[in-house]
Amino acid sequence: MKYNFMVIIFILFIVFILFIVFNYLLIKNEYFDGICQIDGNLGAYNHDNSECIIDGSSDTTASGDSATTTASGDSATTTASGDSTTTTASGDSDDGAVITQITPAAESKSNDDCIPKNSNYGEICKNRFGNNFGISKIEDCENNTKGKKITCTEMVFNEINYSNQGKYAYATDCINDSLDLDTMCNYYMPDNIKNNSKEDGYNVNSAGLDVSLKGKDGDCYLTNGDPDSSKVRGICNFKRENKINRVRPISYENDYNKFTQCQNMTTHNFVNDCQTLLDEETEEEDVFADIRGFDCMPGYARAKCRDTKKDINMPVVPQ
């Protein structure tokens, strides 16, 4: 009998405590529409928007299967829907600002990513967009001193734009500086340039080096973020007009060594091209166009141009 009496007293005590709690919640929130629970905490549904309001140091709301929690102090935001939960924490930010999350270097796909401070920055641009993309800007991440924000731009390396190197300009990867860069330029030629150059009469094996960029100049870095002086990046192009280094016997850019682009050997007017290359005042009858295949595809040719009224003063070639 005594045992039953104690049970009844205990039950009444629990009912009394629950009455006090819900009465408090009812007073705190004008509109009460039932009991709810989040992470083991009891609360009351707000009548207007069916949100679960829980008393405590943090503001917690829930609707359906999703919940969002924002806590004071070490700022944290948690969003949950069903079985999925994503959390972004700000740590010990003094001003309460949310610290930018760091993305692992190997997983970075966007210029908006904040990547670890000590990383191979050039490799990140390559992984994002390919060999033709380099670093146009390096800046600190917002509210995070442990990361860097790398902006990658096509044909820009160490913040210098090389896109003006010509229609078919492209870049190699960072490679060992002992390799032959003319050969490597042909190896790294992109498929779109390879296909389009054929239509213009270029031999796809005639690409060569225009500019050699060593270490930091070519965005070649070590994994710790330091420049790698053992690596070099080549800016490649087809040899065109007066920049055809491979044509013999002279490689100097003088009036006797000007070349047109590859054009159809039988139908193109090479004299007009030569007149433009030499001088606008050069008379057509004074133009000599030496038309040969040089490094063009079969059926195409370049013209080596010279003004017949001018003497050819060839420099002495060092032995």
C-alpha atoms as a PDB file:
ATOM      1  CA  MET A   1       0.000   0.000   0.000  1.00  0.00           C
ATOM      2  CA  LYS A   2       2.828   2.310   0.944  1.00  0.00           C
ATOM      3  CA  TYR A   3       4.562   1.467  -2.382  1.00  0.00           C
ATOM      4  CA  ASN A   4       1.488   2.445  -4.444  1.00  0.00           C
ATOM      5  CA  PHE A   5       1.227   5.724  -2.561  1.00  0.00           C
ATOM      6  CA  MET A   6       4.857   6.627  -3.424  1.00  0.00           C
ATOM      7  CA  VAL A   7       4.221   5.877  -7.087  1.00  0.00           C
ATOM      8  CA  ILE A   8       1.213   8.156  -7.137  1.00  0.00           C
ATOM      9  CA  ILE A   9       3.217  10.951  -5.474  1.00  0.00           C
ATOM     10  CA  PHE A  10       6.016  10.561  -8.066  1.00  0.00           C
ATOM     11  CA  ILE A  11       3.591  10.703 -10.986  1.00  0.00           C
ATOM     12  CA  LEU A  12       1.938  13.836  -9.602  1.00  0.00           C
ATOM     13  CA  PHE A  13       5.356  15.432  -9.203  1.00  0.00           C
ATOM     14  CA  ILE A  14       6.252  14.735 -12.852  1.00  0.00           C
ATOM     15  CA  VAL A  15       2.905  16.132 -14.015  1.00  0.00           C
ATOM     16  CA  PHE A  16       3.505  19.248 -11.943  1.00  0.00           C
ATOM     17  CA  ILE A  17       6.977  19.795 -13.453  1.00  0.00           C
ATOM     18  CA  LEU A  18       5.645  19.369 -17.019  1.00  0.00           C
ATOM     19  CA  PHE A  19       2.846  21.815 -16.256  1.00  0.00           C
ATOM     20  CA  ILE A  20       5.351  24.452 -15.120  1.00  0.00           C
ATOM     21  CA  VAL A  21       7.574  23.932 -18.225  1.00  0.00           C
ATOM     22  CA  PHE A  22       4.760  24.157 -20.765  1.00  0.00           C
ATOM     23  CA  ASN A  23       3.171  27.069 -18.935  1.00  0.00           C
ATOM     24  CA  TYR A  24       6.481  28.894 -19.213  1.00  0.00           C
ATOM     25  CA  LEU A  25       6.741  28.155 -22.903  1.00  0.00           C
ATOM     26  CA  LEU A  26       3.157  29.275 -23.421  1.00  0.00           C
ATOM     27  CA  ILE A  27       3.876  32.608 -21.756  1.00  0.00           C
ATOM     28  CA  LYS A  28       7.158  33.097 -23.678  1.00  0.00           C
ATOM     29  CA  ASN A  29       5.597  32.312 -27.032  1.00  0.00           C
ATOM     30  CA  GLU A  30       2.147  33.786 -27.526  1.00  0.00           C
ATOM     31  CA  TYR A  31       1.099  31.170 -30.005  1.00  0.00           C
ATOM     32  CA  PHE A  32       1.432  27.551 -28.889  1.00  0.00           C
ATOM     33  CA  ASP A  33       0.430  24.689 -31.128  1.00  0.00           C
ATOM     34  CA  GLY A  34       1.651  21.467 -29.577  1.00  0.00           C
ATOM     35  CA  ILE A  35       4.719  19.762 -28.185  1.00  0.00           C
ATOM     36  CA  CYS A  36       7.879  19.039 -30.230  1.00  0.00           C
ATOM     37  CA  GLN A  37      11.359  17.612 -29.668  1.00  0.00           C
ATOM     38  CA  ILE A  38      14.789  18.295 -31.279  1.00  0.00           C
ATOM     39  CA  ASP A  39      17.893  16.323 -30.292  1.00  0.00           C
ATOM     40  CA  GLY A  40      16.171  15.187 -27.061  1.00  0.00           C
ATOM     41  CA  ASN A  41      15.097  18.732 -26.083  1.00  0.00           C
ATOM     42  CA  LEU A  42      11.396  19.447 -25.556  1.00  0.00           C
ATOM     43  CA  GLY A  43       9.816  22.511 -27.119  1.00  0.00           C
ATOM     44  CA  ALA A  44       6.592  23.975 -28.479  1.00  0.00           C
ATOM     45  CA  TYR A  45       5.429  24.537 -32.057  1.00  0.00           C
ATOM     46  CA  ASN A  46       4.887  28.151 -33.036  1.00  0.00           C
ATOM     47  CA  HIS A  47       1.344  28.486 -34.343  1.00  0.00           C
ATOM     48  CA  ASP A  48       2.214  30.926 -37.133  1.00  0.00           C
ATOM     49  CA  ASN A  49       4.941  29.007 -38.939  1.00  0.00           C
ATOM     50  CA  SER A  50       4.952  25.578 -37.314  1.00  0.00           C
ATOM     51  CA  GLU A  51       8.527  26.026 -36.081  1.00  0.00           C
ATOM     52  CA  CYS A  52       9.720  24.178 -32.990  1.00  0.00           C
ATOM     53  CA  ILE A  53      10.865  26.736 -30.402  1.00  0.00           C
ATOM     54  CA  ILE A  54      13.263  25.494 -27.720  1.00  0.00           C
ATOM     55  CA  ASP A  55      14.404  27.594 -24.794  1.00  0.00           C
ATOM     56  CA  GLY A  56      18.185  27.836 -24.270  1.00  0.00           C
ATOM     57  CA  SER A  57      21.365  29.701 -25.182  1.00  0.00           C
ATOM     58  CA  SER A  58      20.963  28.940 -28.883  1.00  0.00           C
ATOM     59  CA  ASP A  59      18.171  29.716 -31.339  1.00  0.00           C
ATOM     60  CA  THR A  60      16.867  26.430 -32.736  1.00  0.00           C
ATOM     61  CA  THR A  61      14.057  25.987 -35.213  1.00  0.00           C
ATOM     62  CA  ALA A  62      12.747  22.972 -37.081  1.00  0.00           C
ATOM     63  CA  SER A  63      10.174  22.396 -39.809  1.00  0.00           C
ATOM     64  CA  GLY A  64       9.291  18.919 -41.017  1.00  0.00           C
ATOM     65  CA  ASP A  65      12.452  16.802 -41.364  1.00  0.00           C
ATOM     66  CA  SER A  66      14.881  19.701 -41.512  1.00  0.00           C
ATOM     67  CA  ALA A  67      16.531  21.625 -38.693  1.00  0.00           C
ATOM     68  CA  THR A  68      18.809  24.669 -38.546  1.00  0.00           C
ATOM     69  CA  THR A  69      20.776  25.612 -35.455  1.00  0.00           C
ATOM     70  CA  THR A  70      22.770  28.791 -34.872  1.00  0.00           C
ATOM     71  CA  ALA A  71      24.730  28.930 -31.624  1.00  0.00           C
ATOM     72  CA  SER A  72      26.391  31.840 -29.874  1.00  0.00           C
ATOM     73  CA  GLY A  73      30.071  31.874 -28.844  1.00  0.00           C
ATOM     74  CA  ASP A  74      32.024  29.681 -31.273  1.00  0.00           C
ATOM     75  CA  SER A  75      29.743  30.267 -34.197  1.00  0.00           C
ATOM     76  CA  ALA A  76      28.338  27.165 -35.887  1.00  0.00           C
ATOM     77  CA  THR A  77      25.639  26.593 -38.470  1.00  0.00           C
ATOM     78  CA  THR A  78      24.072  23.165 -38.920  1.00  0.00           C
ATOM     79  CA  THR A  79      21.556  22.231 -41.563  1.00  0.00           C
ATOM     80  CA  ALA A  80      19.865  18.831 -41.566  1.00  0.00           C
ATOM     81  CA  SER A  81      17.330  17.238 -43.882  1.00  0.00           C
ATOM     82  CA  GLY A  82      16.373  13.613 -43.470  1.00  0.00           C
ATOM     83  CA  ASP A  83      19.569  11.661 -42.778  1.00  0.00           C
ATOM     84  CA  SER A  84      21.890  14.276 -44.267  1.00  0.00           C
ATOM     85  CA  THR A  85      23.732  16.799 -42.088  1.00  0.00           C
ATOM     86  CA  THR A  86      26.221  19.500 -43.109  1.00  0.00           C
ATOM     87  CA  THR A  87      28.105  21.610 -40.562  1.00  0.00           C
ATOM     88  CA  THR A  88      30.286  24.687 -41.095  1.00  0.00           C
ATOM     89  CA  ALA A  89      32.063  26.033 -38.016  1.00  0.00           C
ATOM     90  CA  SER A  90      33.780  29.366 -37.616  1.00  0.00           C
ATOM     91  CA  GLY A  91      36.044  28.471 -34.701  1.00  0.00           C
ATOM     92  CA  ASP A  92      37.145  31.223 -32.337  1.00  0.00           C
ATOM     93  CA  SER A  93      36.389  34.254 -34.485  1.00  0.00           C
ATOM     94  CA  ASP A  94      36.625  37.359 -32.291  1.00  0.00           C
ATOM     95  CA  ASP A  95      34.215  39.403 -34.396  1.00  0.00           C
ATOM     96  CA  GLY A  96      31.777  36.530 -34.930  1.00  0.00           C
ATOM     97  CA  ALA A  97      32.443  36.426 -38.718  1.00  0.00           C
ATOM     98  CA  VAL A  98      32.239  33.042 -40.404  1.00  0.00           C
ATOM     99  CA  ILE A  99      35.678  31.770 -41.446  1.00  0.00           C
ATOM    100  CA  THR A 100      35.974  30.604 -45.049  1.00  0.00           C
ATOM    101  CA  GLN A 101      36.221  26.826 -45.277  1.00  0.00           C
ATOM    102  CA  ILE A 102      39.460  25.460 -46.793  1.00  0.00           C
ATOM    103  CA  THR A 103      39.114  23.103 -49.770  1.00  0.00           C
ATOM    104  CA  PRO A 104      41.847  20.445 -50.215  1.00  0.00           C
ATOM    105  CA  ALA A 105      44.096  21.426 -53.134  1.00  0.00           C
ATOM    106  CA  ALA A 106      43.422  18.200 -55.058  1.00  0.00           C
ATOM    107  CA  GLU A 107      39.651  18.781 -54.832  1.00  0.00           C
ATOM    108  CA  SER A 108      39.586  22.444 -55.871  1.00  0.00           C
ATOM    109  CA  LYS A 109      37.461  23.062 -58.984  1.00  0.00           C
ATOM    110  CA  SER A 110      36.653  26.772 -58.779  1.00  0.00           C
ATOM    111  CA  ASN A 111      38.425  30.135 -58.560  1.00  0.00           C
ATOM    112  CA  ASP A 112      36.233  30.835 -55.530  1.00  0.00           C
ATOM    113  CA  ASP A 113      37.811  28.030 -53.488  1.00  0.00           C
ATOM    114  CA  CYS A 114      40.067  28.746 -50.525  1.00  0.00           C
ATOM    115  CA  ILE A 115      42.970  26.283 -50.703  1.00  0.00           C
ATOM    116  CA  PRO A 116      45.756  25.500 -48.176  1.00  0.00           C
ATOM    117  CA  LYS A 117      48.370  28.233 -47.932  1.00  0.00           C
ATOM    118  CA  ASN A 118      51.348  25.972 -48.721  1.00  0.00           C
ATOM    119  CA  SER A 119      50.334  24.305 -51.990  1.00  0.00           C
ATOM    120  CA  ASN A 120      51.509  23.802 -55.565  1.00  0.00           C
ATOM    121  CA  TYR A 121      49.518  26.740 -56.929  1.00  0.00           C
ATOM    122  CA  GLY A 122      50.302  26.057 -60.590  1.00  0.00           C
ATOM    123  CA  GLU A 123      49.149  22.443 -60.243  1.00  0.00           C
ATOM    124  CA  ILE A 124      45.833  23.698 -58.843  1.00  0.00           C
ATOM    125  CA  CYS A 125      45.158  25.766 -61.993  1.00  0.00           C
ATOM    126  CA  LYS A 126      46.081  22.793 -64.159  1.00  0.00           C
ATOM    127  CA  ASN A 127      43.716  20.489 -62.250  1.00  0.00           C
ATOM    128  CA  ARG A 128      40.912  23.029 -62.494  1.00  0.00           C
ATOM    129  CA  PHE A 129      41.094  23.969 -66.160  1.00  0.00           C
ATOM    130  CA  GLY A 130      44.145  22.462 -67.949  1.00  0.00           C
ATOM    131  CA  ASN A 131      47.727  23.357 -68.936  1.00  0.00           C
ATOM    132  CA  ASN A 132      46.731  26.626 -70.639  1.00  0.00           C
ATOM    133  CA  PHE A 133      45.579  28.185 -67.367  1.00  0.00           C
ATOM    134  CA  GLY A 134      47.892  29.908 -64.921  1.00  0.00           C
ATOM    135  CA  ILE A 135      47.790  32.267 -61.965  1.00  0.00           C
ATOM    136  CA  SER A 136      46.438  35.767 -62.535  1.00  0.00           C
ATOM    137  CA  LYS A 137      45.998  36.584 -58.841  1.00  0.00           C
ATOM    138  CA  ILE A 138      46.927  35.207 -55.401  1.00  0.00           C
ATOM    139  CA  GLU A 139      45.111  36.695 -52.424  1.00  0.00           C
ATOM    140  CA  ASP A 140      44.237  35.863 -48.829  1.00  0.00           C
ATOM    141  CA  CYS A 141      41.005  34.032 -48.107  1.00  0.00           C
ATOM    142  CA  GLU A 142      38.303  36.000 -46.363  1.00  0.00           C
ATOM    143  CA  ASN A 143      38.556  35.579 -42.569  1.00  0.00           C
ATOM    144  CA  ASN A 144      41.065  32.725 -42.859  1.00  0.00           C
ATOM    145  CA  THR A 145      44.825  33.272 -42.553  1.00  0.00           C
ATOM    146  CA  LYS A 146      45.593  29.592 -43.217  1.00  0.00           C
ATOM    147  CA  GLY A 147      44.412  29.629 -46.840  1.00  0.00           C
ATOM    148  CA  LYS A 148      44.918  31.361 -50.190  1.00  0.00           C
ATOM    149  CA  LYS A 149      42.509  32.169 -52.994  1.00  0.00           C
ATOM    150  CA  ILE A 150      43.999  31.413 -56.428  1.00  0.00           C
ATOM    151  CA  THR A 151      42.451  32.956 -59.564  1.00  0.00           C
ATOM    152  CA  CYS A 152      43.310  31.002 -62.734  1.00  0.00           C
ATOM    153  CA  THR A 153      43.088  32.619 -66.196  1.00  0.00           C
ATOM    154  CA  GLU A 154      43.797  31.224 -69.650  1.00  0.00           C
ATOM    155  CA  MET A 155      47.324  31.951 -70.952  1.00  0.00           C
ATOM    156  CA  VAL A 156      48.204  34.034 -67.880  1.00  0.00           C
ATOM    157  CA  PHE A 157      51.220  32.870 -65.869  1.00  0.00           C
ATOM    158  CA  ASN A 158      52.667  34.661 -62.837  1.00  0.00           C
ATOM    159  CA  GLU A 159      50.105  37.421 -63.533  1.00  0.00           C
ATOM    160  CA  ILE A 160      51.489  38.077 -67.056  1.00  0.00           C
ATOM    161  CA  ASN A 161      49.213  37.630 -70.083  1.00  0.00           C
ATOM    162  CA  TYR A 162      50.691  35.597 -72.962  1.00  0.00           C
ATOM    163  CA  SER A 163      47.503  35.326 -75.033  1.00  0.00           C
ATOM    164  CA  ASN A 164      48.902  37.931 -77.454  1.00  0.00           C
ATOM    165  CA  GLN A 165      51.497  35.416 -78.681  1.00  0.00           C
ATOM    166  CA  GLY A 166      49.235  34.527 -81.598  1.00  0.00           C
ATOM    167  CA  LYS A 167      46.176  32.658 -82.750  1.00  0.00           C
ATOM    168  CA  TYR A 168      47.675  29.266 -81.990  1.00  0.00           C
ATOM    169  CA  ALA A 169      49.508  30.084 -78.766  1.00  0.00           C
ATOM    170  CA  TYR A 170      49.343  27.468 -76.025  1.00  0.00           C
ATOM    171  CA  ALA A 171      51.400  26.258 -73.071  1.00  0.00           C
ATOM    172  CA  THR A 172      53.097  23.088 -71.912  1.00  0.00           C
ATOM    173  CA  ASP A 173      52.889  21.725 -68.398  1.00  0.00           C
ATOM    174  CA  CYS A 174      55.715  22.462 -65.939  1.00  0.00           C
ATOM    175  CA  ILE A 175      58.406  20.056 -67.144  1.00  0.00           C
ATOM    176  CA  ASN A 176      62.063  19.358 -66.447  1.00  0.00           C
ATOM    177  CA  ASP A 177      64.226  22.149 -67.864  1.00  0.00           C
ATOM    178  CA  SER A 178      66.602  19.611 -69.439  1.00  0.00           C
ATOM    179  CA  LEU A 179      63.975  18.570 -72.010  1.00  0.00           C
ATOM    180  CA  ASP A 180      63.890  19.952 -75.572  1.00  0.00           C
ATOM    181  CA  LEU A 181      61.045  22.474 -75.470  1.00  0.00           C
ATOM    182  CA  ASP A 182      60.475  22.507 -79.240  1.00  0.00           C
ATOM    183  CA  THR A 183      59.783  18.784 -79.076  1.00  0.00           C
ATOM    184  CA  MET A 184      57.653  19.144 -75.959  1.00  0.00           C
ATOM    185  CA  CYS A 185      55.600  21.892 -77.627  1.00  0.00           C
ATOM    186  CA  ASN A 186      54.508  19.384 -80.261  1.00  0.00           C
ATOM    187  CA  TYR A 187      53.801  16.820 -77.537  1.00  0.00           C
ATOM    188  CA  TYR A 188      51.550  19.189 -75.556  1.00  0.00           C
ATOM    189  CA  MET A 189      49.676  20.626 -78.547  1.00  0.00           C
ATOM    190  CA  PRO A 190      45.918  20.731 -77.698  1.00  0.00           C
ATOM    191  CA  ASP A 191      43.604  18.772 -79.990  1.00  0.00           C
ATOM    192  CA  ASN A 192      41.588  21.854 -80.998  1.00  0.00           C
ATOM    193  CA  ILE A 193      44.745  23.683 -82.149  1.00  0.00           C
ATOM    194  CA  LYS A 194      46.001  20.561 -83.890  1.00  0.00           C
ATOM    195  CA  ASN A 195      42.769  20.244 -85.871  1.00  0.00           C
ATOM    196  CA  ASN A 196      42.305  23.939 -86.679  1.00  0.00           C
ATOM    197  CA  SER A 197      45.921  24.441 -87.730  1.00  0.00           C
ATOM    198  CA  LYS A 198      45.579  21.816 -90.443  1.00  0.00           C
ATOM    199  CA  GLU A 199      42.871  23.912 -92.080  1.00  0.00           C
ATOM    200  CA  ASP A 200      45.329  26.818 -92.260  1.00  0.00           C
ATOM    201  CA  GLY A 201      47.973  24.619 -93.857  1.00  0.00           C
ATOM    202  CA  TYR A 202      50.272  24.152 -90.885  1.00  0.00           C
ATOM    203  CA  ASN A 203      52.198  20.982 -90.331  1.00  0.00           C
ATOM    204  CA  VAL A 204      51.169  19.874 -86.851  1.00  0.00           C
ATOM    205  CA  ASN A 205      54.761  18.896 -86.110  1.00  0.00           C
ATOM    206  CA  SER A 206      56.123  22.384 -86.789  1.00  0.00           C
ATOM    207  CA  ALA A 207      55.176  24.009 -83.476  1.00  0.00           C
ATOM    208  CA  GLY A 208      58.012  25.376 -81.435  1.00  0.00           C
ATOM    209  CA  LEU A 209      58.929  27.408 -78.371  1.00  0.00           C
ATOM    210  CA  ASP A 210      58.198  31.140 -78.286  1.00  0.00           C
ATOM    211  CA  VAL A 211      58.851  31.908 -74.605  1.00  0.00           C
ATOM    212  CA  SER A 212      60.493  29.878 -71.849  1.00  0.00           C
ATOM    213  CA  LEU A 213      59.169  30.513 -68.311  1.00  0.00           C
ATOM    214  CA  LYS A 214      61.244  29.070 -65.492  1.00  0.00           C
ATOM    215  CA  GLY A 215      60.091  28.424 -61.934  1.00  0.00           C
ATOM    216  CA  LYS A 216      57.698  31.021 -60.588  1.00  0.00           C
ATOM    217  CA  ASP A 217      57.546  32.799 -63.972  1.00  0.00           C
ATOM    218  CA  GLY A 218      55.802  29.700 -65.333  1.00  0.00           C
ATOM    219  CA  ASP A 219      53.757  29.030 -62.176  1.00  0.00           C
ATOM    220  CA  CYS A 220      55.940  26.010 -61.396  1.00  0.00           C
ATOM    221  CA  TYR A 221      55.842  25.362 -57.648  1.00  0.00           C
ATOM    222  CA  LEU A 222      56.791  22.720 -55.115  1.00  0.00           C
ATOM    223  CA  THR A 223      54.130  21.139 -52.923  1.00  0.00           C
ATOM    224  CA  ASN A 224      55.081  23.498 -50.063  1.00  0.00           C
ATOM    225  CA  GLY A 225      54.301  26.607 -52.131  1.00  0.00           C
ATOM    226  CA  ASP A 226      57.922  27.525 -52.983  1.00  0.00           C
ATOM    227  CA  PRO A 227      58.932  28.088 -56.659  1.00  0.00           C
ATOM    228  CA  ASP A 228      60.468  25.050 -58.390  1.00  0.00           C
ATOM    229  CA  SER A 229      63.528  26.297 -60.288  1.00  0.00           C
ATOM    230  CA  SER A 230      64.113  22.858 -61.833  1.00  0.00           C
ATOM    231  CA  LYS A 231      60.897  23.117 -63.868  1.00  0.00           C
ATOM    232  CA  VAL A 232      60.050  25.242 -66.889  1.00  0.00           C
ATOM    233  CA  ARG A 233      56.870  25.984 -68.826  1.00  0.00           C
ATOM    234  CA  GLY A 234      56.961  26.657 -72.554  1.00  0.00           C
ATOM    235  CA  ILE A 235      54.710  29.120 -74.403  1.00  0.00           C
ATOM    236  CA  CYS A 236      54.345  27.476 -77.804  1.00  0.00           C
ATOM    237  CA  ASN A 237      53.238  28.599 -81.233  1.00  0.00           C
ATOM    238  CA  PHE A 238      53.577  27.781 -84.893  1.00  0.00           C
ATOM    239  CA  LYS A 239      56.443  29.504 -86.614  1.00  0.00           C
ATOM    240  CA  ARG A 240      54.752  32.224 -88.604  1.00  0.00           C
ATOM    241  CA  GLU A 241      55.619  35.315 -90.612  1.00  0.00           C
ATOM    242  CA  ASN A 242      59.028  36.670 -89.533  1.00  0.00           C
ATOM    243  CA  LYS A 243      59.315  34.402 -86.480  1.00  0.00           C
ATOM    244  CA  ILE A 244      60.194  31.164 -88.233  1.00  0.00           C
ATOM    245  CA  ASN A 245      63.306  30.242 -86.281  1.00  0.00           C
ATOM    246  CA  ARG A 246      63.735  26.874 -87.996  1.00  0.00           C
ATOM    247  CA  VAL A 247      63.997  28.150 -91.568  1.00  0.00           C
ATOM    248  CA  ARG A 248      67.604  28.170 -92.751  1.00  0.00           C
ATOM    249  CA  PRO A 249      70.113  29.576 -93.266  1.00  0.00           C
ATOM    250  CA  ILE A 250      69.459  32.680 -91.170  1.00  0.00           C
ATOM    251  CA  SER A 251      67.184  32.951 -88.145  1.00  0.00           C
ATOM    252  CA  TYR A 252      67.577  36.688 -87.506  1.00  0.00           C
ATOM    253  CA  GLU A 253      64.515  38.877 -88.039  1.00  0.00           C
ATOM    254  CA  ASN A 254      65.706  41.163 -90.817  1.00  0.00           C
ATOM    255  CA  ASP A 255      64.379  42.363 -94.171  1.00  0.00           C
ATOM    256  CA  TYR A 256      65.815  39.318 -95.946  1.00  0.00           C
ATOM    257  CA  ASN A 257      64.129  36.852 -93.588  1.00  0.00           C
ATOM    258  CA  LYS A 258      60.414  37.681 -93.583  1.00  0.00           C
ATOM    259  CA  PHE A 259      57.895  34.910 -94.177  1.00  0.00           C
ATOM    260  CA  THR A 260      54.188  34.748 -94.910  1.00  0.00           C
ATOM    261  CA  GLN A 261      51.837  32.298 -93.256  1.00  0.00           C
ATOM    262  CA  CYS A 262      51.140  28.896 -94.789  1.00  0.00           C
ATOM    263  CA  GLN A 263      48.741  29.340 -97.707  1.00  0.00           C
ATOM    264  CA  ASN A 264      47.486  27.296-100.634  1.00  0.00           C
ATOM    265  CA  MET A 265      50.499  26.895-102.902  1.00  0.00           C
ATOM    266  CA  THR A 266      48.683  27.267-106.225  1.00  0.00           C
ATOM    267  CA  THR A 267      45.866  29.763-105.596  1.00  0.00           C
ATOM    268  CA  HIS A 268      47.158  32.260-103.036  1.00  0.00           C
ATOM    269  CA  ASN A 269      48.651  35.666-103.992  1.00  0.00           C
ATOM    270  CA  PHE A 270      51.906  35.614-102.006  1.00  0.00           C
ATOM    271  CA  VAL A 271      53.158  38.860-103.588  1.00  0.00           C
ATOM    272  CA  ASN A 272      50.447  40.871-101.830  1.00  0.00           C
ATOM    273  CA  ASP A 273      51.386  39.288 -98.508  1.00  0.00           C
ATOM    274  CA  CYS A 274      55.063  40.039 -99.070  1.00  0.00           C
ATOM    275  CA  GLN A 275      54.296  43.651 -99.999  1.00  0.00           C
ATOM    276  CA  THR A 276      52.497  44.092 -96.659  1.00  0.00           C
ATOM    277  CA  LEU A 277      55.307  42.427 -94.691  1.00  0.00           C
ATOM    278  CA  LEU A 278      58.117  44.372 -96.309  1.00  0.00           C
ATOM    279  CA  ASP A 279      56.794  47.925 -96.472  1.00  0.00           C
ATOM    280  CA  GLU A 280      53.562  49.527 -97.569  1.00  0.00           C
ATOM    281  CA  GLU A 281      55.572  51.768 -99.880  1.00  0.00           C
ATOM    282  CA  THR A 282      57.276  48.852-101.637  1.00  0.00           C
ATOM    283  CA  GLU A 283      56.162  48.662-105.265  1.00  0.00           C
ATOM    284  CA  GLU A 284      54.692  45.356-106.393  1.00  0.00           C
ATOM    285  CA  GLU A 285      57.252  44.967-109.150  1.00  0.00           C
ATOM    286  CA  ASP A 286      60.049  45.227-106.563  1.00  0.00           C
ATOM    287  CA  VAL A 287      58.702  42.365-104.456  1.00  0.00           C
ATOM    288  CA  PHE A 288      60.315  38.957-104.733  1.00  0.00           C
ATOM    289  CA  ALA A 289      58.446  36.020-103.178  1.00  0.00           C
ATOM    290  CA  ASP A 290      60.447  32.813-102.809  1.00  0.00           C
ATOM    291  CA  ILE A 291      57.608  30.270-102.447  1.00  0.00           C
ATOM    292  CA  ARG A 292      58.483  26.947-100.827  1.00  0.00           C
ATOM    293  CA  GLY A 293      56.943  24.325 -98.590  1.00  0.00           C
ATOM    294  CA  PHE A 294      59.132  25.142 -95.581  1.00  0.00           C
ATOM    295  CA  ASP A 295      57.257  23.666 -92.568  1.00  0.00           C
ATOM    296  CA  CYS A 296      53.762  23.723 -94.117  1.00  0.00           C
ATOM    297  CA  MET A 297      51.576  20.740 -94.959  1.00  0.00           C
ATOM    298  CA  PRO A 298      51.721  19.248 -98.482  1.00  0.00           C
ATOM    299  CA  GLY A 299      49.907  21.523-100.932  1.00  0.00           C
ATOM    300  CA  TYR A 300      50.627  24.614 -98.823  1.00  0.00           C
ATOM    301  CA  ALA A 301      53.613  26.931 -98.811  1.00  0.00           C
ATOM    302  CA  ARG A 302      55.146  30.078 -97.374  1.00  0.00           C
ATOM    303  CA  ALA A 303      56.823  32.880 -99.268  1.00  0.00           C
ATOM    304  CA  LYS A 304      60.170  34.234 -98.157  1.00  0.00           C
ATOM    305  CA  CYS A 305      59.921  37.931 -99.042  1.00  0.00           C
ATOM    306  CA  ARG A 306      62.489  40.539-100.055  1.00  0.00           C
ATOM    307  CA  ASP A 307      62.639  43.919-101.725  1.00  0.00           C
ATOM    308  CA  THR A 308      64.837  43.593-104.816  1.00  0.00           C
ATOM    309  CA  LYS A 309      65.832  47.296-104.629  1.00  0.00           C
ATOM    310  CA  LYS A 310      67.445  46.878-101.234  1.00  0.00           C
ATOM    311  CA  ASP A 311      70.885  45.407-100.639  1.00  0.00           C
ATOM    312  CA  ILE A 312      71.081  42.378 -98.383  1.00  0.00           C
ATOM    313  CA  ASN A 313      73.554  42.993 -95.588  1.00  0.00           C
ATOM    314  CA  MET A 314      73.681  39.679 -93.819  1.00  0.00           C
ATOM    315  CA  PRO A 315      75.274  39.680 -90.345  1.00  0.00           C
ATOM    316  CA  VAL A 316      78.226  37.500 -89.573  1.00  0.00           C
ATOM    317  CA  VAL A 317      77.036  34.253 -88.033  1.00  0.00           C
ATOM    318  CA  PRO A 318      79.151  33.255 -84.980  1.00  0.00           C
ATOM    319  CA  GLN A 319      81.149  30.096 -85.565  1.00  0.00           C
END
